[in-house]
Amino acid sequence: MNNEKIQIKGSGNKGNPTKRDKHTIRFLKWIRQHPGLWYQICTPGNEHMNFEMMKMLIQRLAKEQFYEIIFVLLMVHRDADFLDSVFKTMLLEMILAGWKGEIKRKEQIIQDITDLLT
C-alpha cells in the first residue's frame, strides 16, 4: 500500500480556512442540526417525500445557499411521479428562455421549480 500523504487543496493552513472550507463546515453543521431533512434528501423512494416536502426542502436549501444540494435532491428523487411534470416543464421553460436569449438567475430557477411544486 502506498504511504504517501494526500494533500487536500485548501486544507494545509488550519488557521485560515478557505471560503470553500467554511461553506463545507457550515453545510456539515446544517446536517448535524437537521438529520431528518438530510435523510429525506438522500433517501430515494422515501414514503414521506411528496411535492410539499420537496418544495420545503428546496426553499430551505436555497435560503442556506446550498444550491449544489438542491441538484442532488432533484437527482436522488428524479424517479418520483410528482417530479416528472416538473422536469418536463422546466426543460421546456429553459429551452424557451434560451431561444429568446434570456438568462435566468439561480434564484429565478429555484422559484420556477418551487412554483411548479404547488
PDB file of N, CA and C in Angstrom:
ATOM      1  N   MET A   1       0.841  -1.176   0.000  1.00  0.00           N
ATOM      2  CA  MET A   1       0.000   0.000   0.000  1.00  0.00           C
ATOM      3  C   MET A   1       0.884   1.236   0.000  1.00  0.00           C
ATOM      4  N   ASN A   2       0.523   2.234  -0.725  1.00  0.00           N
ATOM      5  CA  ASN A   2       1.283   3.465  -0.848  1.00  0.00           C
ATOM      6  C   ASN A   2       1.080   4.326   0.397  1.00  0.00           C
ATOM      7  N   ASN A   3       2.168   4.745   1.038  1.00  0.00           N
ATOM      8  CA  ASN A   3       2.084   5.524   2.268  1.00  0.00           C
ATOM      9  C   ASN A   3       2.225   7.024   2.024  1.00  0.00           C
ATOM     10  N   GLU A   4       2.040   7.459   0.797  1.00  0.00           N
ATOM     11  CA  GLU A   4       2.130   8.893   0.509  1.00  0.00           C
ATOM     12  C   GLU A   4       0.974   9.625   1.163  1.00  0.00           C
ATOM     13  N   LYS A   5       1.264  10.801   1.666  1.00  0.00           N
ATOM     14  CA  LYS A   5       0.209  11.635   2.231  1.00  0.00           C
ATOM     15  C   LYS A   5      -0.506  12.355   1.106  1.00  0.00           C
ATOM     16  N   ILE A   6      -1.792  12.432   1.228  1.00  0.00           N
ATOM     17  CA  ILE A   6      -2.606  13.130   0.238  1.00  0.00           C
ATOM     18  C   ILE A   6      -2.840  14.541   0.746  1.00  0.00           C
ATOM     19  N   GLN A   7      -2.449  15.510  -0.034  1.00  0.00           N
ATOM     20  CA  GLN A   7      -2.662  16.913   0.326  1.00  0.00           C
ATOM     21  C   GLN A   7      -3.957  17.391  -0.324  1.00  0.00           C
ATOM     22  N   ILE A   8      -4.882  17.808   0.517  1.00  0.00           N
ATOM     23  CA  ILE A   8      -6.145  18.329   0.012  1.00  0.00           C
ATOM     24  C   ILE A   8      -5.995  19.825  -0.130  1.00  0.00           C
ATOM     25  N   LYS A   9      -6.303  20.322  -1.306  1.00  0.00           N
ATOM     26  CA  LYS A   9      -6.169  21.746  -1.576  1.00  0.00           C
ATOM     27  C   LYS A   9      -6.998  22.553  -0.587  1.00  0.00           C
ATOM     28  N   GLY A  10      -6.381  23.551  -0.002  1.00  0.00           N
ATOM     29  CA  GLY A  10      -7.089  24.449   0.901  1.00  0.00           C
ATOM     30  C   GLY A  10      -7.082  23.997   2.347  1.00  0.00           C
ATOM     31  N   SER A  11      -6.601  22.787   2.621  1.00  0.00           N
ATOM     32  CA  SER A  11      -6.652  22.301   3.991  1.00  0.00           C
ATOM     33  C   SER A  11      -5.306  22.412   4.699  1.00  0.00           C
ATOM     34  N   GLY A  12      -4.289  22.894   4.021  1.00  0.00           N
ATOM     35  CA  GLY A  12      -2.961  22.959   4.618  1.00  0.00           C
ATOM     36  C   GLY A  12      -2.812  24.040   5.662  1.00  0.00           C
ATOM     37  N   ASN A  13      -3.560  25.091   5.604  1.00  0.00           N
ATOM     38  CA  ASN A  13      -3.436  26.205   6.526  1.00  0.00           C
ATOM     39  C   ASN A  13      -4.610  26.189   7.483  1.00  0.00           C
ATOM     40  N   LYS A  14      -4.412  25.543   8.638  1.00  0.00           N
ATOM     41  CA  LYS A  14      -5.514  25.361   9.589  1.00  0.00           C
ATOM     42  C   LYS A  14      -6.011  26.672  10.171  1.00  0.00           C
ATOM     43  N   GLY A  15      -5.151  27.671  10.262  1.00  0.00           N
ATOM     44  CA  GLY A  15      -5.546  28.936  10.849  1.00  0.00           C
ATOM     45  C   GLY A  15      -6.336  29.822   9.909  1.00  0.00           C
ATOM     46  N   ASN A  16      -6.359  29.474   8.635  1.00  0.00           N
ATOM     47  CA  ASN A  16      -7.018  30.324   7.653  1.00  0.00           C
ATOM     48  C   ASN A  16      -7.777  29.458   6.643  1.00  0.00           C
ATOM     49  N   PRO A  17      -8.959  28.955   7.032  1.00  0.00           N
ATOM     50  CA  PRO A  17      -9.717  28.101   6.102  1.00  0.00           C
ATOM     51  C   PRO A  17     -10.175  28.882   4.871  1.00  0.00           C
ATOM     52  N   THR A  18     -10.254  28.173   3.767  1.00  0.00           N
ATOM     53  CA  THR A  18     -10.699  28.799   2.526  1.00  0.00           C
ATOM     54  C   THR A  18     -12.202  29.046   2.585  1.00  0.00           C
ATOM     55  N   LYS A  19     -12.700  29.801   1.629  1.00  0.00           N
ATOM     56  CA  LYS A  19     -14.142  30.056   1.533  1.00  0.00           C
ATOM     57  C   LYS A  19     -14.895  28.741   1.363  1.00  0.00           C
ATOM     58  N   ARG A  20     -14.350  27.853   0.559  1.00  0.00           N
ATOM     59  CA  ARG A  20     -14.984  26.551   0.330  1.00  0.00           C
ATOM     60  C   ARG A  20     -14.996  25.718   1.611  1.00  0.00           C
ATOM     61  N   ASP A  21     -13.866  25.775   2.367  1.00  0.00           N
ATOM     62  CA  ASP A  21     -13.816  25.064   3.644  1.00  0.00           C
ATOM     63  C   ASP A  21     -14.913  25.563   4.580  1.00  0.00           C
ATOM     64  N   LYS A  22     -15.084  26.869   4.661  1.00  0.00           N
ATOM     65  CA  LYS A  22     -16.105  27.461   5.530  1.00  0.00           C
ATOM     66  C   LYS A  22     -17.506  27.012   5.099  1.00  0.00           C
ATOM     67  N   HIS A  23     -17.731  26.975   3.794  1.00  0.00           N
ATOM     68  CA  HIS A  23     -19.028  26.540   3.263  1.00  0.00           C
ATOM     69  C   HIS A  23     -19.287  25.072   3.630  1.00  0.00           C
ATOM     70  N   THR A  24     -18.254  24.241   3.499  1.00  0.00           N
ATOM     71  CA  THR A  24     -18.384  22.826   3.826  1.00  0.00           C
ATOM     72  C   THR A  24     -18.657  22.639   5.311  1.00  0.00           C
ATOM     73  N   ILE A  25     -17.959  23.363   6.156  1.00  0.00           N
ATOM     74  CA  ILE A  25     -18.173  23.280   7.603  1.00  0.00           C
ATOM     75  C   ILE A  25     -19.600  23.701   7.940  1.00  0.00           C
ATOM     76  N   ARG A  26     -20.066  24.771   7.331  1.00  0.00           N
ATOM     77  CA  ARG A  26     -21.431  25.249   7.571  1.00  0.00           C
ATOM     78  C   ARG A  26     -22.448  24.192   7.125  1.00  0.00           C
ATOM     79  N   PHE A  27     -22.180  23.567   5.990  1.00  0.00           N
ATOM     80  CA  PHE A  27     -23.069  22.524   5.486  1.00  0.00           C
ATOM     81  C   PHE A  27     -23.100  21.319   6.422  1.00  0.00           C
ATOM     82  N   LEU A  28     -21.948  20.876   6.886  1.00  0.00           N
ATOM     83  CA  LEU A  28     -21.891  19.726   7.790  1.00  0.00           C
ATOM     84  C   LEU A  28     -22.585  20.035   9.116  1.00  0.00           C
ATOM     85  N   LYS A  29     -22.474  21.253   9.591  1.00  0.00           N
ATOM     86  CA  LYS A  29     -23.198  21.652  10.803  1.00  0.00           C
ATOM     87  C   LYS A  29     -24.704  21.639  10.551  1.00  0.00           C
ATOM     88  N   TRP A  30     -25.115  22.050   9.354  1.00  0.00           N
ATOM     89  CA  TRP A  30     -26.531  22.028   8.998  1.00  0.00           C
ATOM     90  C   TRP A  30     -27.051  20.592   9.025  1.00  0.00           C
ATOM     91  N   ILE A  31     -26.273  19.671   8.482  1.00  0.00           N
ATOM     92  CA  ILE A  31     -26.667  18.254   8.501  1.00  0.00           C
ATOM     93  C   ILE A  31     -26.797  17.772   9.940  1.00  0.00           C
ATOM     94  N   ARG A  32     -25.861  18.137  10.796  1.00  0.00           N
ATOM     95  CA  ARG A  32     -25.910  17.736  12.201  1.00  0.00           C
ATOM     96  C   ARG A  32     -27.170  18.285  12.882  1.00  0.00           C
ATOM     97  N   GLN A  33     -27.563  19.502  12.523  1.00  0.00           N
ATOM     98  CA  GLN A  33     -28.747  20.128  13.121  1.00  0.00           C
ATOM     99  C   GLN A  33     -30.055  19.598  12.531  1.00  0.00           C
ATOM    100  N   HIS A  34     -29.995  19.089  11.303  1.00  0.00           N
ATOM    101  CA  HIS A  34     -31.208  18.663  10.600  1.00  0.00           C
ATOM    102  C   HIS A  34     -31.059  17.248  10.018  1.00  0.00           C
ATOM    103  N   PRO A  35     -30.791  16.243  10.861  1.00  0.00           N
ATOM    104  CA  PRO A  35     -30.569  14.895  10.321  1.00  0.00           C
ATOM    105  C   PRO A  35     -31.805  14.329   9.601  1.00  0.00           C
ATOM    106  N   GLY A  36     -32.991  14.698  10.050  1.00  0.00           N
ATOM    107  CA  GLY A  36     -34.210  14.210   9.394  1.00  0.00           C
ATOM    108  C   GLY A  36     -34.354  14.757   7.985  1.00  0.00           C
ATOM    109  N   LEU A  37     -34.029  16.033   7.816  1.00  0.00           N
ATOM    110  CA  LEU A  37     -34.092  16.628   6.470  1.00  0.00           C
ATOM    111  C   LEU A  37     -33.026  16.007   5.572  1.00  0.00           C
ATOM    112  N   TRP A  38     -31.841  15.791   6.127  1.00  0.00           N
ATOM    113  CA  TRP A  38     -30.766  15.176   5.345  1.00  0.00           C
ATOM    114  C   TRP A  38     -31.176  13.774   4.903  1.00  0.00           C
ATOM    115  N   TYR A  39     -31.847  13.038   5.794  1.00  0.00           N
ATOM    116  CA  TYR A  39     -32.343  11.711   5.441  1.00  0.00           C
ATOM    117  C   TYR A  39     -33.336  11.815   4.285  1.00  0.00           C
ATOM    118  N   GLN A  40     -34.234  12.778   4.337  1.00  0.00           N
ATOM    119  CA  GLN A  40     -35.207  12.977   3.255  1.00  0.00           C
ATOM    120  C   GLN A  40     -34.494  13.276   1.939  1.00  0.00           C
ATOM    121  N   ILE A  41     -33.484  14.110   1.998  1.00  0.00           N
ATOM    122  CA  ILE A  41     -32.755  14.497   0.787  1.00  0.00           C
ATOM    123  C   ILE A  41     -32.088  13.285   0.148  1.00  0.00           C
ATOM    124  N   CYS A  42     -31.511  12.416   0.970  1.00  0.00           N
ATOM    125  CA  CYS A  42     -30.653  11.336   0.459  1.00  0.00           C
ATOM    126  C   CYS A  42     -31.332   9.988   0.258  1.00  0.00           C
ATOM    127  N   THR A  43     -32.620   9.884   0.560  1.00  0.00           N
ATOM    128  CA  THR A  43     -33.268   8.580   0.522  1.00  0.00           C
ATOM    129  C   THR A  43     -34.289   8.510  -0.610  1.00  0.00           C
ATOM    130  N   PRO A  44     -33.904   7.891  -1.735  1.00  0.00           N
ATOM    131  CA  PRO A  44     -34.861   7.760  -2.834  1.00  0.00           C
ATOM    132  C   PRO A  44     -36.008   6.839  -2.440  1.00  0.00           C
ATOM    133  N   GLY A  45     -37.197   7.174  -2.920  1.00  0.00           N
ATOM    134  CA  GLY A  45     -38.359   6.354  -2.656  1.00  0.00           C
ATOM    135  C   GLY A  45     -38.899   6.472  -1.239  1.00  0.00           C
ATOM    136  N   ASN A  46     -38.423   7.450  -0.488  1.00  0.00           N
ATOM    137  CA  ASN A  46     -38.894   7.639   0.885  1.00  0.00           C
ATOM    138  C   ASN A  46     -40.391   7.897   0.875  1.00  0.00           C
ATOM    139  N   GLU A  47     -41.117   7.213   1.755  1.00  0.00           N
ATOM    140  CA  GLU A  47     -42.582   7.317   1.768  1.00  0.00           C
ATOM    141  C   GLU A  47     -43.090   8.703   2.157  1.00  0.00           C
ATOM    142  N   HIS A  48     -42.262   9.513   2.806  1.00  0.00           N
ATOM    143  CA  HIS A  48     -42.683  10.843   3.231  1.00  0.00           C
ATOM    144  C   HIS A  48     -42.378  11.924   2.197  1.00  0.00           C
ATOM    145  N   MET A  49     -41.709  11.542   1.123  1.00  0.00           N
ATOM    146  CA  MET A  49     -41.356  12.534   0.097  1.00  0.00           C
ATOM    147  C   MET A  49     -42.554  12.735  -0.822  1.00  0.00           C
ATOM    148  N   ASN A  50     -42.976  13.984  -0.922  1.00  0.00           N
ATOM    149  CA  ASN A  50     -44.052  14.359  -1.832  1.00  0.00           C
ATOM    150  C   ASN A  50     -43.755  15.774  -2.323  1.00  0.00           C
ATOM    151  N   PHE A  51     -44.625  16.335  -3.115  1.00  0.00           N
ATOM    152  CA  PHE A  51     -44.333  17.645  -3.682  1.00  0.00           C
ATOM    153  C   PHE A  51     -44.209  18.724  -2.607  1.00  0.00           C
ATOM    154  N   GLU A  52     -44.974  18.611  -1.521  1.00  0.00           N
ATOM    155  CA  GLU A  52     -44.875  19.610  -0.446  1.00  0.00           C
ATOM    156  C   GLU A  52     -43.532  19.521   0.272  1.00  0.00           C
ATOM    157  N   MET A  53     -43.077  18.299   0.568  1.00  0.00           N
ATOM    158  CA  MET A  53     -41.779  18.098   1.218  1.00  0.00           C
ATOM    159  C   MET A  53     -40.661  18.580   0.296  1.00  0.00           C
ATOM    160  N   MET A  54     -40.751  18.249  -0.989  1.00  0.00           N
ATOM    161  CA  MET A  54     -39.740  18.669  -1.958  1.00  0.00           C
ATOM    162  C   MET A  54     -39.655  20.191  -2.011  1.00  0.00           C
ATOM    163  N   LYS A  55     -40.783  20.840  -2.065  1.00  0.00           N
ATOM    164  CA  LYS A  55     -40.816  22.303  -2.122  1.00  0.00           C
ATOM    165  C   LYS A  55     -40.179  22.901  -0.872  1.00  0.00           C
ATOM    166  N   MET A  56     -40.534  22.384   0.293  1.00  0.00           N
ATOM    167  CA  MET A  56     -39.977  22.878   1.546  1.00  0.00           C
ATOM    168  C   MET A  56     -38.467  22.690   1.591  1.00  0.00           C
ATOM    169  N   LEU A  57     -37.996  21.515   1.166  1.00  0.00           N
ATOM    170  CA  LEU A  57     -36.556  21.255   1.166  1.00  0.00           C
ATOM    171  C   LEU A  57     -35.816  22.196   0.230  1.00  0.00           C
ATOM    172  N   ILE A  58     -36.352  22.402  -0.957  1.00  0.00           N
ATOM    173  CA  ILE A  58     -35.714  23.304  -1.917  1.00  0.00           C
ATOM    174  C   ILE A  58     -35.649  24.723  -1.348  1.00  0.00           C
ATOM    175  N   GLN A  59     -36.729  25.172  -0.742  1.00  0.00           N
ATOM    176  CA  GLN A  59     -36.741  26.517  -0.176  1.00  0.00           C
ATOM    177  C   GLN A  59     -35.739  26.655   0.961  1.00  0.00           C
ATOM    178  N   ARG A  60     -35.645  25.649   1.825  1.00  0.00           N
ATOM    179  CA  ARG A  60     -34.694  25.712   2.941  1.00  0.00           C
ATOM    180  C   ARG A  60     -33.258  25.648   2.464  1.00  0.00           C
ATOM    181  N   LEU A  61     -32.993  24.788   1.485  1.00  0.00           N
ATOM    182  CA  LEU A  61     -31.637  24.698   0.942  1.00  0.00           C
ATOM    183  C   LEU A  61     -31.248  25.992   0.237  1.00  0.00           C
ATOM    184  N   ALA A  62     -32.177  26.585  -0.493  1.00  0.00           N
ATOM    185  CA  ALA A  62     -31.901  27.854  -1.180  1.00  0.00           C
ATOM    186  C   ALA A  62     -31.630  28.962  -0.167  1.00  0.00           C
ATOM    187  N   LYS A  63     -32.398  28.993   0.910  1.00  0.00           N
ATOM    188  CA  LYS A  63     -32.198  30.006   1.950  1.00  0.00           C
ATOM    189  C   LYS A  63     -30.782  29.910   2.526  1.00  0.00           C
ATOM    190  N   GLU A  64     -30.288  28.696   2.664  1.00  0.00           N
ATOM    191  CA  GLU A  64     -28.936  28.467   3.179  1.00  0.00           C
ATOM    192  C   GLU A  64     -27.866  28.581   2.089  1.00  0.00           C
ATOM    193  N   GLN A  65     -28.284  28.773   0.855  1.00  0.00           N
ATOM    194  CA  GLN A  65     -27.404  28.836  -0.310  1.00  0.00           C
ATOM    195  C   GLN A  65     -26.661  27.520  -0.556  1.00  0.00           C
ATOM    196  N   PHE A  66     -27.339  26.404  -0.291  1.00  0.00           N
ATOM    197  CA  PHE A  66     -26.804  25.074  -0.573  1.00  0.00           C
ATOM    198  C   PHE A  66     -27.333  24.615  -1.933  1.00  0.00           C
ATOM    199  N   TYR A  67     -26.983  25.348  -2.970  1.00  0.00           N
ATOM    200  CA  TYR A  67     -27.530  25.119  -4.302  1.00  0.00           C
ATOM    201  C   TYR A  67     -27.130  23.766  -4.884  1.00  0.00           C
ATOM    202  N   GLU A  68     -25.915  23.312  -4.590  1.00  0.00           N
ATOM    203  CA  GLU A  68     -25.477  22.015  -5.104  1.00  0.00           C
ATOM    204  C   GLU A  68     -26.360  20.898  -4.561  1.00  0.00           C
ATOM    205  N   ILE A  69     -26.811  21.063  -3.324  1.00  0.00           N
ATOM    206  CA  ILE A  69     -27.614  20.028  -2.689  1.00  0.00           C
ATOM    207  C   ILE A  69     -29.024  20.007  -3.276  1.00  0.00           C
ATOM    208  N   ILE A  70     -29.500  21.139  -3.783  1.00  0.00           N
ATOM    209  CA  ILE A  70     -30.796  21.140  -4.484  1.00  0.00           C
ATOM    210  C   ILE A  70     -30.699  20.230  -5.698  1.00  0.00           C
ATOM    211  N   PHE A  71     -29.593  20.322  -6.424  1.00  0.00           N
ATOM    212  CA  PHE A  71     -29.386  19.448  -7.577  1.00  0.00           C
ATOM    213  C   PHE A  71     -29.344  17.985  -7.132  1.00  0.00           C
ATOM    214  N   VAL A  72     -28.618  17.699  -6.040  1.00  0.00           N
ATOM    215  CA  VAL A  72     -28.557  16.336  -5.508  1.00  0.00           C
ATOM    216  C   VAL A  72     -29.958  15.858  -5.140  1.00  0.00           C
ATOM    217  N   LEU A  73     -30.725  16.686  -4.450  1.00  0.00           N
ATOM    218  CA  LEU A  73     -32.099  16.354  -4.062  1.00  0.00           C
ATOM    219  C   LEU A  73     -32.938  15.974  -5.276  1.00  0.00           C
ATOM    220  N   LEU A  74     -32.874  16.796  -6.310  1.00  0.00           N
ATOM    221  CA  LEU A  74     -33.656  16.529  -7.519  1.00  0.00           C
ATOM    222  C   LEU A  74     -33.212  15.241  -8.211  1.00  0.00           C
ATOM    223  N   MET A  75     -31.907  14.970  -8.221  1.00  0.00           N
ATOM    224  CA  MET A  75     -31.421  13.757  -8.864  1.00  0.00           C
ATOM    225  C   MET A  75     -31.740  12.504  -8.054  1.00  0.00           C
ATOM    226  N   VAL A  76     -31.642  12.587  -6.734  1.00  0.00           N
ATOM    227  CA  VAL A  76     -31.962  11.431  -5.889  1.00  0.00           C
ATOM    228  C   VAL A  76     -33.421  11.029  -6.074  1.00  0.00           C
ATOM    229  N   HIS A  77     -34.297  12.020  -6.236  1.00  0.00           N
ATOM    230  CA  HIS A  77     -35.737  11.744  -6.327  1.00  0.00           C
ATOM    231  C   HIS A  77     -36.281  11.896  -7.751  1.00  0.00           C
ATOM    232  N   ARG A  78     -35.402  11.800  -8.722  1.00  0.00           N
ATOM    233  CA  ARG A  78     -35.795  12.032 -10.116  1.00  0.00           C
ATOM    234  C   ARG A  78     -36.870  11.081 -10.621  1.00  0.00           C
ATOM    235  N   ASP A  79     -36.995   9.909 -10.012  1.00  0.00           N
ATOM    236  CA  ASP A  79     -38.000   8.940 -10.454  1.00  0.00           C
ATOM    237  C   ASP A  79     -39.346   9.100  -9.754  1.00  0.00           C
ATOM    238  N   ALA A  80     -39.446  10.070  -8.852  1.00  0.00           N
ATOM    239  CA  ALA A  80     -40.723  10.295  -8.164  1.00  0.00           C
ATOM    240  C   ALA A  80     -41.754  10.785  -9.174  1.00  0.00           C
ATOM    241  N   ASP A  81     -42.944  10.226  -9.103  1.00  0.00           N
ATOM    242  CA  ASP A  81     -44.004  10.582 -10.055  1.00  0.00           C
ATOM    243  C   ASP A  81     -44.279  12.080 -10.090  1.00  0.00           C
ATOM    244  N   PHE A  82     -44.282  12.713  -8.928  1.00  0.00           N
ATOM    245  CA  PHE A  82     -44.636  14.129  -8.880  1.00  0.00           C
ATOM    246  C   PHE A  82     -43.580  15.034  -9.513  1.00  0.00           C
ATOM    247  N   LEU A  83     -42.371  14.520  -9.750  1.00  0.00           N
ATOM    248  CA  LEU A  83     -41.334  15.347 -10.379  1.00  0.00           C
ATOM    249  C   LEU A  83     -41.342  15.271 -11.901  1.00  0.00           C
ATOM    250  N   ASP A  84     -42.001  14.308 -12.456  1.00  0.00           N
ATOM    251  CA  ASP A  84     -41.991  14.124 -13.907  1.00  0.00           C
ATOM    252  C   ASP A  84     -42.454  15.386 -14.639  1.00  0.00           C
ATOM    253  N   SER A  85     -43.592  15.911 -14.245  1.00  0.00           N
ATOM    254  CA  SER A  85     -44.107  17.103 -14.927  1.00  0.00           C
ATOM    255  C   SER A  85     -43.234  18.325 -14.641  1.00  0.00           C
ATOM    256  N   VAL A  86     -42.627  18.373 -13.441  1.00  0.00           N
ATOM    257  CA  VAL A  86     -41.731  19.488 -13.106  1.00  0.00           C
ATOM    258  C   VAL A  86     -40.539  19.495 -14.054  1.00  0.00           C
ATOM    259  N   PHE A  87     -39.907  18.339 -14.234  1.00  0.00           N
ATOM    260  CA  PHE A  87     -38.744  18.258 -15.124  1.00  0.00           C
ATOM    261  C   PHE A  87     -39.120  18.609 -16.570  1.00  0.00           C
ATOM    262  N   LYS A  88     -40.240  18.093 -17.031  1.00  0.00           N
ATOM    263  CA  LYS A  88     -40.652  18.369 -18.408  1.00  0.00           C
ATOM    264  C   LYS A  88     -40.951  19.847 -18.607  1.00  0.00           C
ATOM    265  N   THR A  89     -41.647  20.457 -17.660  1.00  0.00           N
ATOM    266  CA  THR A  89     -41.969  21.873 -17.771  1.00  0.00           C
ATOM    267  C   THR A  89     -40.713  22.727 -17.676  1.00  0.00           C
ATOM    268  N   MET A  90     -39.810  22.394 -16.746  1.00  0.00           N
ATOM    269  CA  MET A  90     -38.569  23.162 -16.607  1.00  0.00           C
ATOM    270  C   MET A  90     -37.725  23.080 -17.872  1.00  0.00           C
ATOM    271  N   LEU A  91     -37.649  21.906 -18.471  1.00  0.00           N
ATOM    272  CA  LEU A  91     -36.901  21.760 -19.711  1.00  0.00           C
ATOM    273  C   LEU A  91     -37.477  22.660 -20.794  1.00  0.00           C
ATOM    274  N   LEU A  92     -38.789  22.635 -20.938  1.00  0.00           N
ATOM    275  CA  LEU A  92     -39.450  23.477 -21.929  1.00  0.00           C
ATOM    276  C   LEU A  92     -39.200  24.956 -21.643  1.00  0.00           C
ATOM    277  N   GLU A  93     -39.315  25.355 -20.380  1.00  0.00           N
ATOM    278  CA  GLU A  93     -39.090  26.757 -19.994  1.00  0.00           C
ATOM    279  C   GLU A  93     -37.648  27.190 -20.269  1.00  0.00           C
ATOM    280  N   MET A  94     -36.691  26.314 -20.002  1.00  0.00           N
ATOM    281  CA  MET A  94     -35.283  26.651 -20.234  1.00  0.00           C
ATOM    282  C   MET A  94     -34.983  26.753 -21.733  1.00  0.00           C
ATOM    283  N   ILE A  95     -35.575  25.862 -22.514  1.00  0.00           N
ATOM    284  CA  ILE A  95     -35.396  25.937 -23.970  1.00  0.00           C
ATOM    285  C   ILE A  95     -35.989  27.237 -24.491  1.00  0.00           C
ATOM    286  N   LEU A  96     -37.187  27.559 -24.042  1.00  0.00           N
ATOM    287  CA  LEU A  96     -37.839  28.798 -24.465  1.00  0.00           C
ATOM    288  C   LEU A  96     -37.022  30.022 -24.060  1.00  0.00           C
ATOM    289  N   ALA A  97     -36.541  30.050 -22.829  1.00  0.00           N
ATOM    290  CA  ALA A  97     -35.739  31.186 -22.355  1.00  0.00           C
ATOM    291  C   ALA A  97     -34.460  31.307 -23.181  1.00  0.00           C
ATOM    292  N   GLY A  98     -33.818  30.186 -23.450  1.00  0.00           N
ATOM    293  CA  GLY A  98     -32.597  30.210 -24.261  1.00  0.00           C
ATOM    294  C   GLY A  98     -32.861  30.687 -25.671  1.00  0.00           C
ATOM    295  N   TRP A  99     -33.967  30.255 -26.212  1.00  0.00           N
ATOM    296  CA  TRP A  99     -34.326  30.654 -27.574  1.00  0.00           C
ATOM    297  C   TRP A  99     -34.539  32.159 -27.653  1.00  0.00           C
ATOM    298  N   LYS A 100     -35.100  32.717 -26.585  1.00  0.00           N
ATOM    299  CA  LYS A 100     -35.360  34.151 -26.550  1.00  0.00           C
ATOM    300  C   LYS A 100     -34.127  34.944 -26.103  1.00  0.00           C
ATOM    301  N   GLY A 101     -33.034  34.251 -25.792  1.00  0.00           N
ATOM    302  CA  GLY A 101     -31.810  34.922 -25.377  1.00  0.00           C
ATOM    303  C   GLY A 101     -31.823  35.368 -23.928  1.00  0.00           C
ATOM    304  N   GLU A 102     -32.727  34.812 -23.138  1.00  0.00           N
ATOM    305  CA  GLU A 102     -32.817  35.165 -21.726  1.00  0.00           C
ATOM    306  C   GLU A 102     -31.890  34.277 -20.897  1.00  0.00           C
ATOM    307  N   ILE A 103     -31.371  34.852 -19.859  1.00  0.00           N
ATOM    308  CA  ILE A 103     -30.559  34.091 -18.919  1.00  0.00           C
ATOM    309  C   ILE A 103     -31.236  34.195 -17.566  1.00  0.00           C
ATOM    310  N   LYS A 104     -31.605  33.048 -17.021  1.00  0.00           N
ATOM    311  CA  LYS A 104     -32.265  33.036 -15.719  1.00  0.00           C
ATOM    312  C   LYS A 104     -31.211  32.884 -14.627  1.00  0.00           C
ATOM    313  N   ARG A 105     -31.375  33.652 -13.581  1.00  0.00           N
ATOM    314  CA  ARG A 105     -30.503  33.548 -12.414  1.00  0.00           C
ATOM    315  C   ARG A 105     -30.942  32.353 -11.580  1.00  0.00           C
ATOM    316  N   LYS A 106     -30.041  31.855 -10.761  1.00  0.00           N
ATOM    317  CA  LYS A 106     -30.349  30.673  -9.957  1.00  0.00           C
ATOM    318  C   LYS A 106     -31.576  30.894  -9.074  1.00  0.00           C
ATOM    319  N   GLU A 107     -31.755  32.095  -8.564  1.00  0.00           N
ATOM    320  CA  GLU A 107     -32.912  32.378  -7.728  1.00  0.00           C
ATOM    321  C   GLU A 107     -34.219  32.222  -8.515  1.00  0.00           C
ATOM    322  N   GLN A 108     -34.206  32.634  -9.771  1.00  0.00           N
ATOM    323  CA  GLN A 108     -35.404  32.507 -10.604  1.00  0.00           C
ATOM    324  C   GLN A 108     -35.680  31.048 -10.946  1.00  0.00           C
ATOM    325  N   ILE A 109     -34.623  30.283 -11.196  1.00  0.00           N
ATOM    326  CA  ILE A 109     -34.792  28.860 -11.488  1.00  0.00           C
ATOM    327  C   ILE A 109     -35.385  28.148 -10.274  1.00  0.00           C
ATOM    328  N   ILE A 110     -34.885  28.456  -9.091  1.00  0.00           N
ATOM    329  CA  ILE A 110     -35.405  27.849  -7.865  1.00  0.00           C
ATOM    330  C   ILE A 110     -36.866  28.241  -7.664  1.00  0.00           C
ATOM    331  N   GLN A 111     -37.185  29.502  -7.913  1.00  0.00           N
ATOM    332  CA  GLN A 111     -38.572  29.958  -7.784  1.00  0.00           C
ATOM    333  C   GLN A 111     -39.476  29.221  -8.780  1.00  0.00           C
ATOM    334  N   ASP A 112     -38.992  29.049  -9.995  1.00  0.00           N
ATOM    335  CA  ASP A 112     -39.765  28.322 -11.012  1.00  0.00           C
ATOM    336  C   ASP A 112     -40.044  26.888 -10.562  1.00  0.00           C
ATOM    337  N   ILE A 113     -39.035  26.231 -10.018  1.00  0.00           N
ATOM    338  CA  ILE A 113     -39.204  24.841  -9.573  1.00  0.00           C
ATOM    339  C   ILE A 113     -40.218  24.782  -8.437  1.00  0.00           C
ATOM    340  N   THR A 114     -40.074  25.648  -7.442  1.00  0.00           N
ATOM    341  CA  THR A 114     -40.996  25.597  -6.304  1.00  0.00           C
ATOM    342  C   THR A 114     -42.415  25.973  -6.740  1.00  0.00           C
ATOM    343  N   ASP A 115     -42.540  26.867  -7.697  1.00  0.00           N
ATOM    344  CA  ASP A 115     -43.876  27.196  -8.220  1.00  0.00           C
ATOM    345  C   ASP A 115     -44.525  25.989  -8.880  1.00  0.00           C
ATOM    346  N   LEU A 116     -43.728  25.191  -9.568  1.00  0.00           N
ATOM    347  CA  LEU A 116     -44.262  24.010 -10.235  1.00  0.00           C
ATOM    348  C   LEU A 116     -44.642  22.906  -9.246  1.00  0.00           C
ATOM    349  N   LEU A 117     -44.155  23.011  -8.019  1.00  0.00           N
ATOM    350  CA  LEU A 117     -44.441  22.009  -6.995  1.00  0.00           C
ATOM    351  C   LEU A 117     -45.682  22.376  -6.172  1.00  0.00           C
ATOM    352  N   THR A 118     -46.507  23.265  -6.692  1.00  0.00           N
ATOM    353  CA  THR A 118     -47.722  23.628  -5.943  1.00  0.00           C
ATOM    354  C   THR A 118     -48.945  23.083  -6.631  1.00  0.00           C
TER     355      THR A 118
END
